[in-house]
Amino acid sequence: MSAKKILTGESLQMEKPPSKTPLKVLCKSCDHHWVAAYLPMPMEKCATLLKSACCPVCGENKAIFLDVSDGDKKAKGEQA
């Protein structure tokens, strides 16, 4: 941002950042839900991230699944 625009009071048009969608996961061992990543993200990075994901509560790294519970509630018309 230039000093001239600040001093003259010209309005600045900022680009809106792309919307980010949380990718929620579930630990089947302790039933903990958390956000593992925010999409959009390159597929390779997302796959690498999810492959190495482990539960922040119990440390499990084999029983991590995508959390679809919010989608089920929305489909049934229930409040999430």
N, C-alpha and C. Protein backbone atom coordinates (compact mmCIF):
# COMPACT_ATOMS: atom_id res chain seq x y z
N MET A 1 0.85 -1.17 0.00
CA MET A 1 0.00 0.00 0.00
C MET A 1 0.90 1.23 0.00
N SER A 2 0.63 2.15 -0.89
CA SER A 2 1.48 3.33 -0.98
C SER A 2 1.06 4.39 0.02
N ALA A 3 2.02 5.20 0.43
CA ALA A 3 1.74 6.29 1.38
C ALA A 3 0.82 7.32 0.76
N LYS A 4 0.91 7.49 -0.55
CA LYS A 4 0.07 8.48 -1.23
C LYS A 4 -1.41 8.11 -1.09
N LYS A 5 -1.75 6.85 -1.23
CA LYS A 5 -3.14 6.44 -1.10
C LYS A 5 -3.64 6.63 0.33
N ILE A 6 -2.77 6.40 1.30
CA ILE A 6 -3.17 6.59 2.69
C ILE A 6 -3.43 8.06 2.96
N LEU A 7 -2.54 8.92 2.51
CA LEU A 7 -2.67 10.36 2.77
C LEU A 7 -3.85 10.99 2.05
N THR A 8 -4.15 10.53 0.85
CA THR A 8 -5.24 11.15 0.09
C THR A 8 -6.59 10.53 0.42
N GLY A 9 -6.61 9.42 1.12
CA GLY A 9 -7.87 8.81 1.51
C GLY A 9 -8.53 8.02 0.40
N GLU A 10 -7.80 7.67 -0.65
CA GLU A 10 -8.39 6.86 -1.72
C GLU A 10 -8.75 5.49 -1.17
N SER A 11 -9.89 4.98 -1.62
CA SER A 11 -10.29 3.66 -1.14
C SER A 11 -9.48 2.58 -1.85
N LEU A 12 -9.17 1.58 -1.11
CA LEU A 12 -8.42 0.45 -1.64
C LEU A 12 -9.38 -0.72 -1.84
N GLN A 13 -9.25 -1.40 -2.94
CA GLN A 13 -10.06 -2.58 -3.15
C GLN A 13 -9.19 -3.80 -2.90
N MET A 14 -9.52 -4.51 -1.86
CA MET A 14 -8.76 -5.70 -1.48
C MET A 14 -9.41 -6.92 -2.12
N GLU A 15 -8.58 -7.84 -2.57
CA GLU A 15 -9.11 -9.08 -3.10
C GLU A 15 -9.61 -9.93 -1.94
N LYS A 16 -10.78 -10.53 -2.12
CA LYS A 16 -11.33 -11.40 -1.11
C LYS A 16 -10.57 -12.74 -1.16
N PRO A 17 -10.08 -13.19 -0.02
CA PRO A 17 -9.37 -14.48 -0.04
C PRO A 17 -10.34 -15.60 -0.38
N PRO A 18 -9.84 -16.66 -1.00
CA PRO A 18 -10.74 -17.76 -1.36
C PRO A 18 -11.33 -18.39 -0.09
N SER A 19 -12.57 -18.82 -0.20
CA SER A 19 -13.19 -19.43 0.97
C SER A 19 -12.52 -20.77 1.26
N LYS A 20 -12.42 -21.10 2.51
CA LYS A 20 -11.76 -22.33 2.91
C LYS A 20 -12.78 -23.22 3.60
N THR A 21 -12.78 -24.48 3.21
CA THR A 21 -13.69 -25.46 3.78
C THR A 21 -12.89 -26.41 4.67
N PRO A 22 -13.31 -26.57 5.93
CA PRO A 22 -12.58 -27.47 6.80
C PRO A 22 -12.80 -28.93 6.41
N LEU A 23 -11.75 -29.72 6.44
CA LEU A 23 -11.82 -31.15 6.21
C LEU A 23 -11.73 -31.80 7.58
N LYS A 24 -12.87 -32.29 8.06
CA LYS A 24 -12.95 -32.84 9.41
C LYS A 24 -12.68 -34.33 9.39
N VAL A 25 -11.99 -34.79 10.41
CA VAL A 25 -11.68 -36.21 10.54
C VAL A 25 -12.12 -36.71 11.92
N LEU A 26 -12.18 -38.02 12.04
CA LEU A 26 -12.66 -38.67 13.26
C LEU A 26 -11.70 -39.78 13.65
N CYS A 27 -11.40 -39.85 14.93
CA CYS A 27 -10.60 -40.95 15.46
C CYS A 27 -11.57 -42.01 15.97
N LYS A 28 -11.52 -43.19 15.38
CA LYS A 28 -12.43 -44.27 15.79
C LYS A 28 -12.05 -44.83 17.16
N SER A 29 -10.82 -44.63 17.59
CA SER A 29 -10.39 -45.16 18.89
C SER A 29 -11.00 -44.41 20.06
N CYS A 30 -11.00 -43.07 19.98
CA CYS A 30 -11.50 -42.27 21.11
C CYS A 30 -12.68 -41.37 20.75
N ASP A 31 -13.14 -41.44 19.49
CA ASP A 31 -14.29 -40.67 19.01
C ASP A 31 -14.05 -39.15 19.03
N HIS A 32 -12.80 -38.74 18.89
CA HIS A 32 -12.47 -37.31 18.84
C HIS A 32 -12.61 -36.81 17.40
N HIS A 33 -13.21 -35.64 17.21
CA HIS A 33 -13.38 -35.01 15.91
C HIS A 33 -12.50 -33.77 15.86
N TRP A 34 -11.84 -33.53 14.73
CA TRP A 34 -11.03 -32.32 14.58
C TRP A 34 -10.84 -31.99 13.11
N VAL A 35 -10.37 -30.77 12.85
CA VAL A 35 -10.11 -30.32 11.48
C VAL A 35 -8.66 -30.69 11.15
N ALA A 36 -8.51 -31.52 10.11
CA ALA A 36 -7.18 -31.96 9.70
C ALA A 36 -6.56 -31.04 8.65
N ALA A 37 -7.41 -30.37 7.86
CA ALA A 37 -6.91 -29.50 6.79
C ALA A 37 -8.02 -28.56 6.35
N TYR A 38 -7.65 -27.56 5.60
CA TYR A 38 -8.62 -26.66 4.99
C TYR A 38 -8.48 -26.75 3.48
N LEU A 39 -9.60 -26.93 2.82
CA LEU A 39 -9.62 -27.05 1.36
C LEU A 39 -10.09 -25.75 0.75
N PRO A 40 -9.67 -25.35 -0.41
CA PRO A 40 -8.93 -26.15 -1.38
C PRO A 40 -7.45 -26.24 -1.04
N MET A 41 -6.89 -27.37 -1.39
CA MET A 41 -5.48 -27.67 -1.17
C MET A 41 -5.08 -28.65 -2.29
N PRO A 42 -3.87 -28.55 -2.78
CA PRO A 42 -3.46 -29.52 -3.79
C PRO A 42 -3.65 -30.96 -3.28
N MET A 43 -4.14 -31.83 -4.16
CA MET A 43 -4.47 -33.20 -3.79
C MET A 43 -3.28 -33.95 -3.18
N GLU A 44 -2.09 -33.76 -3.73
CA GLU A 44 -0.91 -34.46 -3.21
C GLU A 44 -0.60 -34.04 -1.78
N LYS A 45 -0.70 -32.75 -1.49
CA LYS A 45 -0.43 -32.26 -0.14
C LYS A 45 -1.48 -32.78 0.84
N CYS A 46 -2.73 -32.78 0.41
CA CYS A 46 -3.81 -33.26 1.27
C CYS A 46 -3.63 -34.74 1.57
N ALA A 47 -3.29 -35.54 0.56
CA ALA A 47 -3.08 -36.98 0.76
C ALA A 47 -1.92 -37.23 1.71
N THR A 48 -0.83 -36.49 1.56
CA THR A 48 0.33 -36.65 2.44
C THR A 48 -0.04 -36.28 3.88
N LEU A 49 -0.78 -35.19 4.03
CA LEU A 49 -1.19 -34.74 5.35
C LEU A 49 -2.08 -35.77 6.04
N LEU A 50 -3.07 -36.29 5.31
CA LEU A 50 -3.98 -37.25 5.91
C LEU A 50 -3.31 -38.60 6.19
N LYS A 51 -2.35 -38.95 5.35
CA LYS A 51 -1.63 -40.21 5.55
C LYS A 51 -0.84 -40.20 6.85
N SER A 52 -0.34 -39.03 7.22
CA SER A 52 0.47 -38.92 8.44
C SER A 52 -0.31 -38.37 9.63
N ALA A 53 -1.64 -38.22 9.49
CA ALA A 53 -2.45 -37.66 10.57
C ALA A 53 -2.54 -38.62 11.75
N CYS A 54 -2.51 -38.05 12.95
CA CYS A 54 -2.74 -38.85 14.15
C CYS A 54 -3.61 -38.02 15.10
N CYS A 55 -4.35 -38.71 15.93
CA CYS A 55 -5.29 -38.06 16.85
C CYS A 55 -4.54 -37.22 17.87
N PRO A 56 -4.94 -35.96 18.06
CA PRO A 56 -4.28 -35.11 19.05
C PRO A 56 -4.63 -35.49 20.49
N VAL A 57 -5.65 -36.34 20.68
CA VAL A 57 -6.05 -36.73 22.03
C VAL A 57 -5.37 -38.02 22.47
N CYS A 58 -5.51 -39.08 21.63
CA CYS A 58 -4.98 -40.39 22.06
C CYS A 58 -3.74 -40.83 21.29
N GLY A 59 -3.39 -40.14 20.21
CA GLY A 59 -2.19 -40.48 19.45
C GLY A 59 -2.38 -41.57 18.41
N GLU A 60 -3.59 -42.07 18.27
CA GLU A 60 -3.87 -43.12 17.28
C GLU A 60 -3.57 -42.61 15.88
N ASN A 61 -2.96 -43.45 15.04
CA ASN A 61 -2.67 -43.01 13.68
C ASN A 61 -3.19 -43.98 12.62
N LYS A 62 -3.84 -45.05 13.03
CA LYS A 62 -4.36 -46.03 12.07
C LYS A 62 -5.87 -45.92 11.88
N ALA A 63 -6.60 -45.47 12.87
CA ALA A 63 -8.06 -45.45 12.82
C ALA A 63 -8.60 -44.04 12.62
N ILE A 64 -8.07 -43.32 11.62
CA ILE A 64 -8.50 -41.96 11.33
C ILE A 64 -9.35 -41.99 10.06
N PHE A 65 -10.57 -41.46 10.15
CA PHE A 65 -11.51 -41.49 9.03
C PHE A 65 -12.09 -40.10 8.80
N LEU A 66 -12.58 -39.85 7.59
CA LEU A 66 -13.27 -38.59 7.32
C LEU A 66 -14.52 -38.52 8.17
N ASP A 67 -14.77 -37.37 8.74
CA ASP A 67 -15.94 -37.17 9.60
C ASP A 67 -17.10 -36.68 8.74
N VAL A 68 -18.11 -37.50 8.61
CA VAL A 68 -19.28 -37.13 7.81
C VAL A 68 -20.49 -36.87 8.68
N SER A 69 -20.32 -36.76 9.97
CA SER A 69 -21.44 -36.59 10.89
C SER A 69 -22.20 -35.29 10.64
N ASP A 70 -21.51 -34.17 10.31
CA ASP A 70 -22.21 -32.92 10.03
C ASP A 70 -23.06 -33.04 8.78
N GLY A 71 -22.55 -33.71 7.77
CA GLY A 71 -23.30 -33.91 6.54
C GLY A 71 -24.55 -34.72 6.76
N ASP A 72 -24.48 -35.74 7.64
CA ASP A 72 -25.65 -36.56 7.94
C ASP A 72 -26.73 -35.73 8.61
N LYS A 73 -26.33 -34.86 9.55
CA LYS A 73 -27.30 -34.03 10.26
C LYS A 73 -27.97 -33.05 9.29
N LYS A 74 -27.18 -32.46 8.39
CA LYS A 74 -27.74 -31.52 7.43
C LYS A 74 -28.70 -32.22 6.48
N ALA A 75 -28.38 -33.45 6.09
CA ALA A 75 -29.23 -34.19 5.18
C ALA A 75 -30.57 -34.53 5.84
N LYS A 76 -30.54 -34.76 7.15
CA LYS A 76 -31.76 -35.11 7.89
C LYS A 76 -32.52 -33.87 8.32
N GLY A 77 -31.95 -32.68 8.12
CA GLY A 77 -32.60 -31.45 8.53
C GLY A 77 -32.37 -31.10 9.98
N GLU A 78 -31.44 -31.76 10.64
CA GLU A 78 -31.14 -31.47 12.04
C GLU A 78 -30.12 -30.36 12.12
N GLN A 79 -30.07 -29.71 13.27
CA GLN A 79 -29.10 -28.64 13.47
C GLN A 79 -27.77 -29.25 13.85
N ALA A 80 -26.69 -28.78 13.22
CA ALA A 80 -25.35 -29.32 13.49
C ALA A 80 -24.81 -28.83 14.80
